[in-house]
Amino acid sequence: MRSPLHPIHAMLLAGTVPLFLGVLLSDITYSLSYEVQWKNFASWLIVGGLLFTGLALLWAVVDGLRADLPSDARRWLYPLLLLATFVVGFVNALVHAKDGWSSMPAGTVLSVIALILAAA
């Protein structure tokens, strides 16, 4: 039987979803208004999402290595999902670092993928 998440780990994990949701909403607003500040706001939200995801990933890896349970593939599914979220978020940060409209529509697509991975 799995033990419940530590409250701090749960807070880190729960912080990723609204941050990546904010990125997606900022990208949609930028595509509708052409106001560059929305793209800048999305870039900062990505940094926050990467921070929360990275800390949750670190916690999950340490927790997985300390577990007394026999090693199975399911135990590493959760850290791999967090790793995929972090990698997609990092690539999204690089895409959002482009100048102005050149980050669209790739930035929005990556934001959708990052949000789906964070929610999973």
PDB file of N, CA and C in Angstrom:
ATOM      1  N   MET A   1       0.846  -1.184   0.000  1.00  0.00           N
ATOM      2  CA  MET A   1       0.000   0.000   0.000  1.00  0.00           C
ATOM      3  C   MET A   1       0.885   1.238   0.000  1.00  0.00           C
ATOM      4  N   ARG A   2       0.538   2.193  -0.835  1.00  0.00           N
ATOM      5  CA  ARG A   2       1.321   3.425  -0.948  1.00  0.00           C
ATOM      6  C   ARG A   2       0.972   4.359   0.195  1.00  0.00           C
ATOM      7  N   SER A   3       1.985   5.043   0.678  1.00  0.00           N
ATOM      8  CA  SER A   3       1.757   6.048   1.702  1.00  0.00           C
ATOM      9  C   SER A   3       1.306   7.341   1.032  1.00  0.00           C
ATOM     10  N   PRO A   4       0.536   8.158   1.739  1.00  0.00           N
ATOM     11  CA  PRO A   4       0.088   9.419   1.134  1.00  0.00           C
ATOM     12  C   PRO A   4       1.260  10.375   0.950  1.00  0.00           C
ATOM     13  N   LEU A   5       1.074  11.334   0.069  1.00  0.00           N
ATOM     14  CA  LEU A   5       2.113  12.329  -0.190  1.00  0.00           C
ATOM     15  C   LEU A   5       2.322  13.212   1.034  1.00  0.00           C
ATOM     16  N   HIS A   6       3.561  13.594   1.234  1.00  0.00           N
ATOM     17  CA  HIS A   6       3.868  14.575   2.274  1.00  0.00           C
ATOM     18  C   HIS A   6       3.182  15.888   1.888  1.00  0.00           C
ATOM     19  N   PRO A   7       2.681  16.667   2.861  1.00  0.00           N
ATOM     20  CA  PRO A   7       1.954  17.902   2.515  1.00  0.00           C
ATOM     21  C   PRO A   7       2.772  18.894   1.683  1.00  0.00           C
ATOM     22  N   ILE A   8       4.072  18.995   1.939  1.00  0.00           N
ATOM     23  CA  ILE A   8       4.887  19.923   1.154  1.00  0.00           C
ATOM     24  C   ILE A   8       5.033  19.419  -0.278  1.00  0.00           C
ATOM     25  N   HIS A   9       5.204  18.096  -0.427  1.00  0.00           N
ATOM     26  CA  HIS A   9       5.285  17.514  -1.772  1.00  0.00           C
ATOM     27  C   HIS A   9       3.976  17.732  -2.522  1.00  0.00           C
ATOM     28  N   ALA A  10       2.860  17.551  -1.839  1.00  0.00           N
ATOM     29  CA  ALA A  10       1.555  17.771  -2.469  1.00  0.00           C
ATOM     30  C   ALA A  10       1.386  19.231  -2.879  1.00  0.00           C
ATOM     31  N   MET A  11       1.892  20.167  -2.060  1.00  0.00           N
ATOM     32  CA  MET A  11       1.808  21.585  -2.396  1.00  0.00           C
ATOM     33  C   MET A  11       2.641  21.897  -3.644  1.00  0.00           C
ATOM     34  N   LEU A  12       3.852  21.328  -3.717  1.00  0.00           N
ATOM     35  CA  LEU A  12       4.693  21.539  -4.893  1.00  0.00           C
ATOM     36  C   LEU A  12       4.030  20.978  -6.142  1.00  0.00           C
ATOM     37  N   LEU A  13       3.456  19.798  -6.006  1.00  0.00           N
ATOM     38  CA  LEU A  13       2.802  19.159  -7.142  1.00  0.00           C
ATOM     39  C   LEU A  13       1.558  19.927  -7.572  1.00  0.00           C
ATOM     40  N   ALA A  14       0.785  20.385  -6.598  1.00  0.00           N
ATOM     41  CA  ALA A  14      -0.437  21.119  -6.918  1.00  0.00           C
ATOM     42  C   ALA A  14      -0.144  22.503  -7.476  1.00  0.00           C
ATOM     43  N   GLY A  15       1.032  23.048  -7.215  1.00  0.00           N
ATOM     44  CA  GLY A  15       1.376  24.366  -7.735  1.00  0.00           C
ATOM     45  C   GLY A  15       1.689  24.381  -9.212  1.00  0.00           C
ATOM     46  N   THR A  16       2.007  23.222  -9.783  1.00  0.00           N
ATOM     47  CA  THR A  16       2.373  23.187 -11.191  1.00  0.00           C
ATOM     48  C   THR A  16       1.172  23.418 -12.106  1.00  0.00           C
ATOM     49  N   VAL A  17       0.032  22.861 -11.760  1.00  0.00           N
ATOM     50  CA  VAL A  17      -1.140  22.926 -12.649  1.00  0.00           C
ATOM     51  C   VAL A  17      -1.621  24.365 -12.857  1.00  0.00           C
ATOM     52  N   PRO A  18      -1.843  25.165 -11.796  1.00  0.00           N
ATOM     53  CA  PRO A  18      -2.315  26.525 -12.076  1.00  0.00           C
ATOM     54  C   PRO A  18      -1.274  27.393 -12.794  1.00  0.00           C
ATOM     55  N   LEU A  19       0.006  27.126 -12.561  1.00  0.00           N
ATOM     56  CA  LEU A  19       1.022  27.914 -13.255  1.00  0.00           C
ATOM     57  C   LEU A  19       1.029  27.603 -14.748  1.00  0.00           C
ATOM     58  N   PHE A  20       0.991  26.320 -15.109  1.00  0.00           N
ATOM     59  CA  PHE A  20       0.963  25.975 -16.521  1.00  0.00           C
ATOM     60  C   PHE A  20      -0.377  26.341 -17.163  1.00  0.00           C
ATOM     61  N   LEU A  21      -1.460  26.332 -16.391  1.00  0.00           N
ATOM     62  CA  LEU A  21      -2.741  26.820 -16.903  1.00  0.00           C
ATOM     63  C   LEU A  21      -2.657  28.318 -17.187  1.00  0.00           C
ATOM     64  N   GLY A  22      -2.001  29.058 -16.310  1.00  0.00           N
ATOM     65  CA  GLY A  22      -1.800  30.485 -16.532  1.00  0.00           C
ATOM     66  C   GLY A  22      -0.982  30.758 -17.788  1.00  0.00           C
ATOM     67  N   VAL A  23       0.006  29.901 -18.060  1.00  0.00           N
ATOM     68  CA  VAL A  23       0.803  30.037 -19.282  1.00  0.00           C
ATOM     69  C   VAL A  23      -0.095  29.892 -20.504  1.00  0.00           C
ATOM     70  N   LEU A  24      -0.926  28.864 -20.498  1.00  0.00           N
ATOM     71  CA  LEU A  24      -1.820  28.637 -21.634  1.00  0.00           C
ATOM     72  C   LEU A  24      -2.790  29.805 -21.821  1.00  0.00           C
ATOM     73  N   LEU A  25      -3.374  30.284 -20.722  1.00  0.00           N
ATOM     74  CA  LEU A  25      -4.305  31.408 -20.827  1.00  0.00           C
ATOM     75  C   LEU A  25      -3.598  32.677 -21.297  1.00  0.00           C
ATOM     76  N   SER A  26      -2.368  32.887 -20.854  1.00  0.00           N
ATOM     77  CA  SER A  26      -1.596  34.044 -21.323  1.00  0.00           C
ATOM     78  C   SER A  26      -1.273  33.929 -22.804  1.00  0.00           C
ATOM     79  N   ASP A  27      -0.949  32.714 -23.258  1.00  0.00           N
ATOM     80  CA  ASP A  27      -0.680  32.515 -24.686  1.00  0.00           C
ATOM     81  C   ASP A  27      -1.923  32.782 -25.528  1.00  0.00           C
ATOM     82  N   ILE A  28      -3.065  32.316 -25.055  1.00  0.00           N
ATOM     83  CA  ILE A  28      -4.312  32.544 -25.791  1.00  0.00           C
ATOM     84  C   ILE A  28      -4.631  34.036 -25.841  1.00  0.00           C
ATOM     85  N   THR A  29      -4.445  34.713 -24.709  1.00  0.00           N
ATOM     86  CA  THR A  29      -4.703  36.154 -24.682  1.00  0.00           C
ATOM     87  C   THR A  29      -3.738  36.907 -25.587  1.00  0.00           C
ATOM     88  N   TYR A  30      -2.476  36.473 -25.612  1.00  0.00           N
ATOM     89  CA  TYR A  30      -1.494  37.116 -26.496  1.00  0.00           C
ATOM     90  C   TYR A  30      -1.880  36.926 -27.962  1.00  0.00           C
ATOM     91  N   SER A  31      -2.353  35.732 -28.298  1.00  0.00           N
ATOM     92  CA  SER A  31      -2.724  35.488 -29.694  1.00  0.00           C
ATOM     93  C   SER A  31      -3.954  36.303 -30.102  1.00  0.00           C
ATOM     94  N   LEU A  32      -4.781  36.684 -29.141  1.00  0.00           N
ATOM     95  CA  LEU A  32      -5.969  37.483 -29.454  1.00  0.00           C
ATOM     96  C   LEU A  32      -5.722  38.992 -29.403  1.00  0.00           C
ATOM     97  N   SER A  33      -4.756  39.421 -28.587  1.00  0.00           N
ATOM     98  CA  SER A  33      -4.573  40.862 -28.389  1.00  0.00           C
ATOM     99  C   SER A  33      -3.288  41.416 -28.990  1.00  0.00           C
ATOM    100  N   TYR A  34      -2.325  40.566 -29.295  1.00  0.00           N
ATOM    101  CA  TYR A  34      -1.021  40.992 -29.826  1.00  0.00           C
ATOM    102  C   TYR A  34      -0.261  41.909 -28.865  1.00  0.00           C
ATOM    103  N   GLU A  35      -0.609  41.883 -27.598  1.00  0.00           N
ATOM    104  CA  GLU A  35       0.076  42.684 -26.579  1.00  0.00           C
ATOM    105  C   GLU A  35       1.229  41.851 -26.020  1.00  0.00           C
ATOM    106  N   VAL A  36       2.462  42.311 -26.240  1.00  0.00           N
ATOM    107  CA  VAL A  36       3.660  41.538 -25.919  1.00  0.00           C
ATOM    108  C   VAL A  36       3.763  41.233 -24.425  1.00  0.00           C
ATOM    109  N   GLN A  37       3.180  42.051 -23.587  1.00  0.00           N
ATOM    110  CA  GLN A  37       3.280  41.820 -22.140  1.00  0.00           C
ATOM    111  C   GLN A  37       2.678  40.469 -21.745  1.00  0.00           C
ATOM    112  N   TRP A  38       1.681  39.975 -22.490  1.00  0.00           N
ATOM    113  CA  TRP A  38       1.104  38.664 -22.183  1.00  0.00           C
ATOM    114  C   TRP A  38       2.128  37.559 -22.427  1.00  0.00           C
ATOM    115  N   LYS A  39       2.964  37.708 -23.442  1.00  0.00           N
ATOM    116  CA  LYS A  39       4.020  36.728 -23.691  1.00  0.00           C
ATOM    117  C   LYS A  39       5.072  36.783 -22.585  1.00  0.00           C
ATOM    118  N   ASN A  40       5.390  37.979 -22.133  1.00  0.00           N
ATOM    119  CA  ASN A  40       6.332  38.118 -21.027  1.00  0.00           C
ATOM    120  C   ASN A  40       5.773  37.496 -19.749  1.00  0.00           C
ATOM    121  N   PHE A  41       4.487  37.708 -19.509  1.00  0.00           N
ATOM    122  CA  PHE A  41       3.847  37.128 -18.339  1.00  0.00           C
ATOM    123  C   PHE A  41       3.869  35.602 -18.418  1.00  0.00           C
ATOM    124  N   ALA A  42       3.631  35.057 -19.612  1.00  0.00           N
ATOM    125  CA  ALA A  42       3.694  33.603 -19.799  1.00  0.00           C
ATOM    126  C   ALA A  42       5.097  33.084 -19.512  1.00  0.00           C
ATOM    127  N   SER A  43       6.116  33.823 -19.896  1.00  0.00           N
ATOM    128  CA  SER A  43       7.491  33.398 -19.640  1.00  0.00           C
ATOM    129  C   SER A  43       7.769  33.301 -18.147  1.00  0.00           C
ATOM    130  N   TRP A  44       7.287  34.259 -17.384  1.00  0.00           N
ATOM    131  CA  TRP A  44       7.486  34.210 -15.937  1.00  0.00           C
ATOM    132  C   TRP A  44       6.691  33.073 -15.299  1.00  0.00           C
ATOM    133  N   LEU A  45       5.507  32.818 -15.787  1.00  0.00           N
ATOM    134  CA  LEU A  45       4.724  31.697 -15.263  1.00  0.00           C
ATOM    135  C   LEU A  45       5.401  30.365 -15.564  1.00  0.00           C
ATOM    136  N   ILE A  46       6.056  30.264 -16.721  1.00  0.00           N
ATOM    137  CA  ILE A  46       6.793  29.045 -17.058  1.00  0.00           C
ATOM    138  C   ILE A  46       7.925  28.832 -16.056  1.00  0.00           C
ATOM    139  N   VAL A  47       8.614  29.900 -15.692  1.00  0.00           N
ATOM    140  CA  VAL A  47       9.702  29.782 -14.711  1.00  0.00           C
ATOM    141  C   VAL A  47       9.154  29.258 -13.381  1.00  0.00           C
ATOM    142  N   GLY A  48       8.020  29.782 -12.952  1.00  0.00           N
ATOM    143  CA  GLY A  48       7.405  29.294 -11.716  1.00  0.00           C
ATOM    144  C   GLY A  48       6.994  27.833 -11.833  1.00  0.00           C
ATOM    145  N   GLY A  49       6.408  27.464 -12.969  1.00  0.00           N
ATOM    146  CA  GLY A  49       6.023  26.073 -13.178  1.00  0.00           C
ATOM    147  C   GLY A  49       7.221  25.141 -13.191  1.00  0.00           C
ATOM    148  N   LEU A  50       8.315  25.585 -13.806  1.00  0.00           N
ATOM    149  CA  LEU A  50       9.532  24.768 -13.824  1.00  0.00           C
ATOM    150  C   LEU A  50      10.124  24.625 -12.429  1.00  0.00           C
ATOM    151  N   LEU A  51      10.059  25.684 -11.637  1.00  0.00           N
ATOM    152  CA  LEU A  51      10.571  25.611 -10.262  1.00  0.00           C
ATOM    153  C   LEU A  51       9.774  24.588  -9.447  1.00  0.00           C
ATOM    154  N   PHE A  52       8.460  24.679  -9.485  1.00  0.00           N
ATOM    155  CA  PHE A  52       7.623  23.747  -8.733  1.00  0.00           C
ATOM    156  C   PHE A  52       7.790  22.317  -9.248  1.00  0.00           C
ATOM    157  N   THR A  53       7.826  22.162 -10.580  1.00  0.00           N
ATOM    158  CA  THR A  53       7.982  20.828 -11.165  1.00  0.00           C
ATOM    159  C   THR A  53       9.337  20.231 -10.821  1.00  0.00           C
ATOM    160  N   GLY A  54      10.384  21.047 -10.885  1.00  0.00           N
ATOM    161  CA  GLY A  54      11.727  20.556 -10.561  1.00  0.00           C
ATOM    162  C   GLY A  54      11.843  20.114  -9.119  1.00  0.00           C
ATOM    163  N   LEU A  55      11.277  20.887  -8.205  1.00  0.00           N
ATOM    164  CA  LEU A  55      11.329  20.499  -6.794  1.00  0.00           C
ATOM    165  C   LEU A  55      10.497  19.245  -6.527  1.00  0.00           C
ATOM    166  N   ALA A  56       9.326  19.147  -7.155  1.00  0.00           N
ATOM    167  CA  ALA A  56       8.509  17.942  -6.999  1.00  0.00           C
ATOM    168  C   ALA A  56       9.209  16.729  -7.607  1.00  0.00           C
ATOM    169  N   LEU A  57       9.898  16.920  -8.729  1.00  0.00           N
ATOM    170  CA  LEU A  57      10.651  15.838  -9.355  1.00  0.00           C
ATOM    171  C   LEU A  57      11.788  15.376  -8.460  1.00  0.00           C
ATOM    172  N   LEU A  58      12.519  16.314  -7.899  1.00  0.00           N
ATOM    173  CA  LEU A  58      13.606  15.963  -6.982  1.00  0.00           C
ATOM    174  C   LEU A  58      13.074  15.180  -5.789  1.00  0.00           C
ATOM    175  N   TRP A  59      11.969  15.634  -5.225  1.00  0.00           N
ATOM    176  CA  TRP A  59      11.362  14.954  -4.093  1.00  0.00           C
ATOM    177  C   TRP A  59      10.919  13.546  -4.482  1.00  0.00           C
ATOM    178  N   ALA A  60      10.324  13.393  -5.657  1.00  0.00           N
ATOM    179  CA  ALA A  60       9.837  12.084  -6.098  1.00  0.00           C
ATOM    180  C   ALA A  60      10.983  11.111  -6.338  1.00  0.00           C
ATOM    181  N   VAL A  61      12.085  11.591  -6.898  1.00  0.00           N
ATOM    182  CA  VAL A  61      13.236  10.710  -7.145  1.00  0.00           C
ATOM    183  C   VAL A  61      13.853  10.262  -5.827  1.00  0.00           C
ATOM    184  N   VAL A  62      14.039  11.190  -4.897  1.00  0.00           N
ATOM    185  CA  VAL A  62      14.595  10.824  -3.587  1.00  0.00           C
ATOM    186  C   VAL A  62      13.658   9.866  -2.865  1.00  0.00           C
ATOM    187  N   ASP A  63      12.367  10.133  -2.921  1.00  0.00           N
ATOM    188  CA  ASP A  63      11.388   9.254  -2.288  1.00  0.00           C
ATOM    189  C   ASP A  63      11.386   7.872  -2.938  1.00  0.00           C
ATOM    190  N   GLY A  64      11.555   7.821  -4.264  1.00  0.00           N
ATOM    191  CA  GLY A  64      11.598   6.538  -4.964  1.00  0.00           C
ATOM    192  C   GLY A  64      12.846   5.741  -4.637  1.00  0.00           C
ATOM    193  N   LEU A  65      13.952   6.423  -4.446  1.00  0.00           N
ATOM    194  CA  LEU A  65      15.192   5.725  -4.098  1.00  0.00           C
ATOM    195  C   LEU A  65      15.199   5.236  -2.656  1.00  0.00           C
ATOM    196  N   ARG A  66      14.480   5.913  -1.778  1.00  0.00           N
ATOM    197  CA  ARG A  66      14.439   5.518  -0.369  1.00  0.00           C
ATOM    198  C   ARG A  66      13.386   4.451  -0.071  1.00  0.00           C
ATOM    199  N   ALA A  67      12.522   4.148  -1.020  1.00  0.00           N
ATOM    200  CA  ALA A  67      11.405   3.226  -0.777  1.00  0.00           C
ATOM    201  C   ALA A  67      11.919   1.817  -0.485  1.00  0.00           C
ATOM    202  N   ASP A  68      11.249   1.150   0.430  1.00  0.00           N
ATOM    203  CA  ASP A  68      11.588  -0.219   0.783  1.00  0.00           C
ATOM    204  C   ASP A  68      10.842  -1.235  -0.077  1.00  0.00           C
ATOM    205  N   LEU A  69       9.997  -0.738  -0.957  1.00  0.00           N
ATOM    206  CA  LEU A  69       9.204  -1.636  -1.788  1.00  0.00           C
ATOM    207  C   LEU A  69      10.082  -2.279  -2.854  1.00  0.00           C
ATOM    208  N   PRO A  70       9.700  -3.436  -3.350  1.00  0.00           N
ATOM    209  CA  PRO A  70      10.452  -4.025  -4.453  1.00  0.00           C
ATOM    210  C   PRO A  70      10.360  -3.130  -5.691  1.00  0.00           C
ATOM    211  N   SER A  71      11.405  -3.141  -6.462  1.00  0.00           N
ATOM    212  CA  SER A  71      11.463  -2.263  -7.629  1.00  0.00           C
ATOM    213  C   SER A  71      10.522  -2.769  -8.721  1.00  0.00           C
ATOM    214  N   ASP A  72       9.656  -1.901  -9.181  1.00  0.00           N
ATOM    215  CA  ASP A  72       8.785  -2.215 -10.301  1.00  0.00           C
ATOM    216  C   ASP A  72       8.652  -0.971 -11.176  1.00  0.00           C
ATOM    217  N   ALA A  73       8.135  -1.169 -12.355  1.00  0.00           N
ATOM    218  CA  ALA A  73       8.065  -0.078 -13.327  1.00  0.00           C
ATOM    219  C   ALA A  73       7.066   0.998 -12.916  1.00  0.00           C
ATOM    220  N   ARG A  74       6.013   0.628 -12.200  1.00  0.00           N
ATOM    221  CA  ARG A  74       4.987   1.601 -11.830  1.00  0.00           C
ATOM    222  C   ARG A  74       5.512   2.656 -10.865  1.00  0.00           C
ATOM    223  N   ARG A  75       6.491   2.288 -10.057  1.00  0.00           N
ATOM    224  CA  ARG A  75       7.021   3.233  -9.076  1.00  0.00           C
ATOM    225  C   ARG A  75       7.707   4.406  -9.775  1.00  0.00           C
ATOM    226  N   TRP A  76       8.266   4.175 -10.959  1.00  0.00           N
ATOM    227  CA  TRP A  76       8.998   5.215 -11.660  1.00  0.00           C
ATOM    228  C   TRP A  76       8.144   5.955 -12.688  1.00  0.00           C
ATOM    229  N   LEU A  77       6.879   5.579 -12.834  1.00  0.00           N
ATOM    230  CA  LEU A  77       5.997   6.277 -13.770  1.00  0.00           C
ATOM    231  C   LEU A  77       5.777   7.729 -13.346  1.00  0.00           C
ATOM    232  N   TYR A  78       5.557   7.958 -12.060  1.00  0.00           N
ATOM    233  CA  TYR A  78       5.318   9.300 -11.532  1.00  0.00           C
ATOM    234  C   TYR A  78       6.522  10.221 -11.746  1.00  0.00           C
ATOM    235  N   PRO A  79       7.753   9.810 -11.372  1.00  0.00           N
ATOM    236  CA  PRO A  79       8.895  10.696 -11.662  1.00  0.00           C
ATOM    237  C   PRO A  79       9.129  10.902 -13.165  1.00  0.00           C
ATOM    238  N   LEU A  80       8.839   9.898 -13.986  1.00  0.00           N
ATOM    239  CA  LEU A  80       9.010  10.067 -15.434  1.00  0.00           C
ATOM    240  C   LEU A  80       8.002  11.067 -15.999  1.00  0.00           C
ATOM    241  N   LEU A  81       6.792  11.066 -15.470  1.00  0.00           N
ATOM    242  CA  LEU A  81       5.796  12.054 -15.884  1.00  0.00           C
ATOM    243  C   LEU A  81       6.234  13.460 -15.489  1.00  0.00           C
ATOM    244  N   LEU A  82       6.788  13.587 -14.279  1.00  0.00           N
ATOM    245  CA  LEU A  82       7.295  14.885 -13.852  1.00  0.00           C
ATOM    246  C   LEU A  82       8.482  15.321 -14.716  1.00  0.00           C
ATOM    247  N   LEU A  83       9.344  14.363 -15.069  1.00  0.00           N
ATOM    248  CA  LEU A  83      10.481  14.683 -15.932  1.00  0.00           C
ATOM    249  C   LEU A  83      10.008  15.145 -17.304  1.00  0.00           C
ATOM    250  N   ALA A  84       9.008  14.467 -17.855  1.00  0.00           N
ATOM    251  CA  ALA A  84       8.457  14.869 -19.157  1.00  0.00           C
ATOM    252  C   ALA A  84       7.846  16.266 -19.071  1.00  0.00           C
ATOM    253  N   THR A  85       7.150  16.558 -17.977  1.00  0.00           N
ATOM    254  CA  THR A  85       6.577  17.886 -17.779  1.00  0.00           C
ATOM    255  C   THR A  85       7.675  18.939 -17.721  1.00  0.00           C
ATOM    256  N   PHE A  86       8.757  18.637 -17.001  1.00  0.00           N
ATOM    257  CA  PHE A  86       9.864  19.579 -16.877  1.00  0.00           C
ATOM    258  C   PHE A  86      10.527  19.823 -18.230  1.00  0.00           C
ATOM    259  N   VAL A  87      10.756  18.752 -18.994  1.00  0.00           N
ATOM    260  CA  VAL A  87      11.426  18.899 -20.299  1.00  0.00           C
ATOM    261  C   VAL A  87      10.560  19.712 -21.262  1.00  0.00           C
ATOM    262  N   VAL A  88       9.269  19.394 -21.330  1.00  0.00           N
ATOM    263  CA  VAL A  88       8.376  20.156 -22.214  1.00  0.00           C
ATOM    264  C   VAL A  88       8.290  21.610 -21.752  1.00  0.00           C
ATOM    265  N   GLY A  89       8.230  21.833 -20.440  1.00  0.00           N
ATOM    266  CA  GLY A  89       8.204  23.198 -19.920  1.00  0.00           C
ATOM    267  C   GLY A  89       9.479  23.961 -20.246  1.00  0.00           C
ATOM    268  N   PHE A  90      10.624  23.278 -20.174  1.00  0.00           N
ATOM    269  CA  PHE A  90      11.890  23.928 -20.493  1.00  0.00           C
ATOM    270  C   PHE A  90      11.963  24.299 -21.974  1.00  0.00           C
ATOM    271  N   VAL A  91      11.539  23.387 -22.834  1.00  0.00           N
ATOM    272  CA  VAL A  91      11.499  23.697 -24.274  1.00  0.00           C
ATOM    273  C   VAL A  91      10.522  24.848 -24.526  1.00  0.00           C
ATOM    274  N   ASN A  92       9.409  24.852 -23.808  1.00  0.00           N
ATOM    275  CA  ASN A  92       8.444  25.944 -23.928  1.00  0.00           C
ATOM    276  C   ASN A  92       9.075  27.275 -23.501  1.00  0.00           C
ATOM    277  N   ALA A  93       9.900  27.252 -22.469  1.00  0.00           N
ATOM    278  CA  ALA A  93      10.592  28.471 -22.039  1.00  0.00           C
ATOM    279  C   ALA A  93      11.536  28.966 -23.132  1.00  0.00           C
ATOM    280  N   LEU A  94      12.210  28.047 -23.802  1.00  0.00           N
ATOM    281  CA  LEU A  94      13.103  28.445 -24.896  1.00  0.00           C
ATOM    282  C   LEU A  94      12.317  29.026 -26.069  1.00  0.00           C
ATOM    283  N   VAL A  95      11.168  28.442 -26.370  1.00  0.00           N
ATOM    284  CA  VAL A  95      10.327  28.956 -27.459  1.00  0.00           C
ATOM    285  C   VAL A  95       9.799  30.342 -27.093  1.00  0.00           C
ATOM    286  N   HIS A  96       9.396  30.523 -25.827  1.00  0.00           N
ATOM    287  CA  HIS A  96       8.874  31.831 -25.410  1.00  0.00           C
ATOM    288  C   HIS A  96       9.977  32.892 -25.339  1.00  0.00           C
ATOM    289  N   ALA A  97      11.237  32.491 -25.352  1.00  0.00           N
ATOM    290  CA  ALA A  97      12.341  33.453 -25.336  1.00  0.00           C
ATOM    291  C   ALA A  97      12.555  34.097 -26.699  1.00  0.00           C
ATOM    292  N   LYS A  98      11.894  33.573 -27.716  1.00  0.00           N
ATOM    293  CA  LYS A  98      11.994  34.181 -29.047  1.00  0.00           C
ATOM    294  C   LYS A  98      11.349  35.554 -29.037  1.00  0.00           C
ATOM    295  N   ASP A  99      11.618  36.300 -30.075  1.00  0.00           N
ATOM    296  CA  ASP A  99      11.119  37.662 -30.171  1.00  0.00           C
ATOM    297  C   ASP A  99       9.682  37.686 -30.676  1.00  0.00           C
ATOM    298  N   GLY A 100       8.814  38.277 -29.902  1.00  0.00           N
ATOM    299  CA  GLY A 100       7.456  38.582 -30.315  1.00  0.00           C
ATOM    300  C   GLY A 100       6.649  37.418 -30.859  1.00  0.00           C
ATOM    301  N   TRP A 101       6.071  37.625 -32.029  1.00  0.00           N
ATOM    302  CA  TRP A 101       5.118  36.680 -32.607  1.00  0.00           C
ATOM    303  C   TRP A 101       5.779  35.396 -33.091  1.00  0.00           C
ATOM    304  N   SER A 102       7.105  35.344 -33.166  1.00  0.00           N
ATOM    305  CA  SER A 102       7.778  34.144 -33.667  1.00  0.00           C
ATOM    306  C   SER A 102       7.620  32.954 -32.729  1.00  0.00           C
ATOM    307  N   SER A 103       7.151  33.175 -31.511  1.00  0.00           N
ATOM    308  CA  SER A 103       6.945  32.060 -30.586  1.00  0.00           C
ATOM    309  C   SER A 103       5.583  31.393 -30.768  1.00  0.00           C
ATOM    310  N   MET A 104       4.753  31.943 -31.652  1.00  0.00           N
ATOM    311  CA  MET A 104       3.429  31.382 -31.883  1.00  0.00           C
ATOM    312  C   MET A 104       3.415  30.611 -33.191  1.00  0.00           C
ATOM    313  N   PRO A 105       2.696  29.562 -33.343  1.00  0.00           N
ATOM    314  CA  PRO A 105       1.811  28.851 -32.430  1.00  0.00           C
ATOM    315  C   PRO A 105       2.518  27.767 -31.616  1.00  0.00           C
ATOM    316  N   ALA A 106       3.829  27.607 -31.821  1.00  0.00           N
ATOM    317  CA  ALA A 106       4.552  26.542 -31.107  1.00  0.00           C
ATOM    318  C   ALA A 106       4.462  26.726 -29.600  1.00  0.00           C
ATOM    319  N   GLY A 107       4.499  27.961 -29.119  1.00  0.00           N
ATOM    320  CA  GLY A 107       4.410  28.218 -27.690  1.00  0.00           C
ATOM    321  C   GLY A 107       3.082  27.767 -27.106  1.00  0.00           C
ATOM    322  N   THR A 108       2.011  28.016 -27.838  1.00  0.00           N
ATOM    323  CA  THR A 108       0.688  27.606 -27.359  1.00  0.00           C
ATOM    324  C   THR A 108       0.549  26.089 -27.357  1.00  0.00           C
ATOM    325  N   VAL A 109       1.052  25.433 -28.380  1.00  0.00           N
ATOM    326  CA  VAL A 109       0.984  23.964 -28.445  1.00  0.00           C
ATOM    327  C   VAL A 109       1.779  23.343 -27.292  1.00  0.00           C
ATOM    328  N   LEU A 110       2.975  23.862 -27.046  1.00  0.00           N
ATOM    329  CA  LEU A 110       3.781  23.353 -25.937  1.00  0.00           C
ATOM    330  C   LEU A 110       3.130  23.647 -24.592  1.00  0.00           C
ATOM    331  N   SER A 111       2.428  24.766 -24.487  1.00  0.00           N
ATOM    332  CA  SER A 111       1.719  25.087 -23.247  1.00  0.00           C
ATOM    333  C   SER A 111       0.595  24.085 -22.989  1.00  0.00           C
ATOM    334  N   VAL A 112      -0.103  23.692 -24.032  1.00  0.00           N
ATOM    335  CA  VAL A 112      -1.170  22.685 -23.888  1.00  0.00           C
ATOM    336  C   VAL A 112      -0.574  21.353 -23.447  1.00  0.00           C
ATOM    337  N   ILE A 113       0.518  20.943 -24.069  1.00  0.00           N
ATOM    338  CA  ILE A 113       1.166  19.672 -23.715  1.00  0.00           C
ATOM    339  C   ILE A 113       1.673  19.699 -22.287  1.00  0.00           C
ATOM    340  N   ALA A 114       2.300  20.814 -21.881  1.00  0.00           N
ATOM    341  CA  ALA A 114       2.802  20.930 -20.510  1.00  0.00           C
ATOM    342  C   ALA A 114       1.666  20.877 -19.497  1.00  0.00           C
ATOM    343  N   LEU A 115       0.542  21.534 -19.800  1.00  0.00           N
ATOM    344  CA  LEU A 115      -0.597  21.514 -18.894  1.00  0.00           C
ATOM    345  C   LEU A 115      -1.170  20.103 -18.769  1.00  0.00           C
ATOM    346  N   ILE A 116      -1.292  19.408 -19.867  1.00  0.00           N
ATOM    347  CA  ILE A 116      -1.821  18.029 -19.821  1.00  0.00           C
ATOM    348  C   ILE A 116      -0.894  17.131 -19.019  1.00  0.00           C
ATOM    349  N   LEU A 117       0.408  17.255 -19.222  1.00  0.00           N
ATOM    350  CA  LEU A 117       1.356  16.444 -18.453  1.00  0.00           C
ATOM    351  C   LEU A 117       1.322  16.798 -16.975  1.00  0.00           C
ATOM    352  N   ALA A 118       1.211  18.085 -16.652  1.00  0.00           N
ATOM    353  CA  ALA A 118       1.157  18.493 -15.244  1.00  0.00           C
ATOM    354  C   ALA A 118      -0.112  17.985 -14.571  1.00  0.00           C
ATOM    355  N   ALA A 119      -1.212  17.996 -15.302  1.00  0.00           N
ATOM    356  CA  ALA A 119      -2.472  17.511 -14.731  1.00  0.00           C
ATOM    357  C   ALA A 119      -2.489  15.992 -14.590  1.00  0.00           C
ATOM    358  N   ALA A 120      -1.749  15.304 -15.448  1.00  0.00           N
ATOM    359  CA  ALA A 120      -1.718  13.834 -15.371  1.00  0.00           C
ATOM    360  C   ALA A 120      -0.970  13.412 -14.129  1.00  0.00           C
TER     361      ALA A 120
END
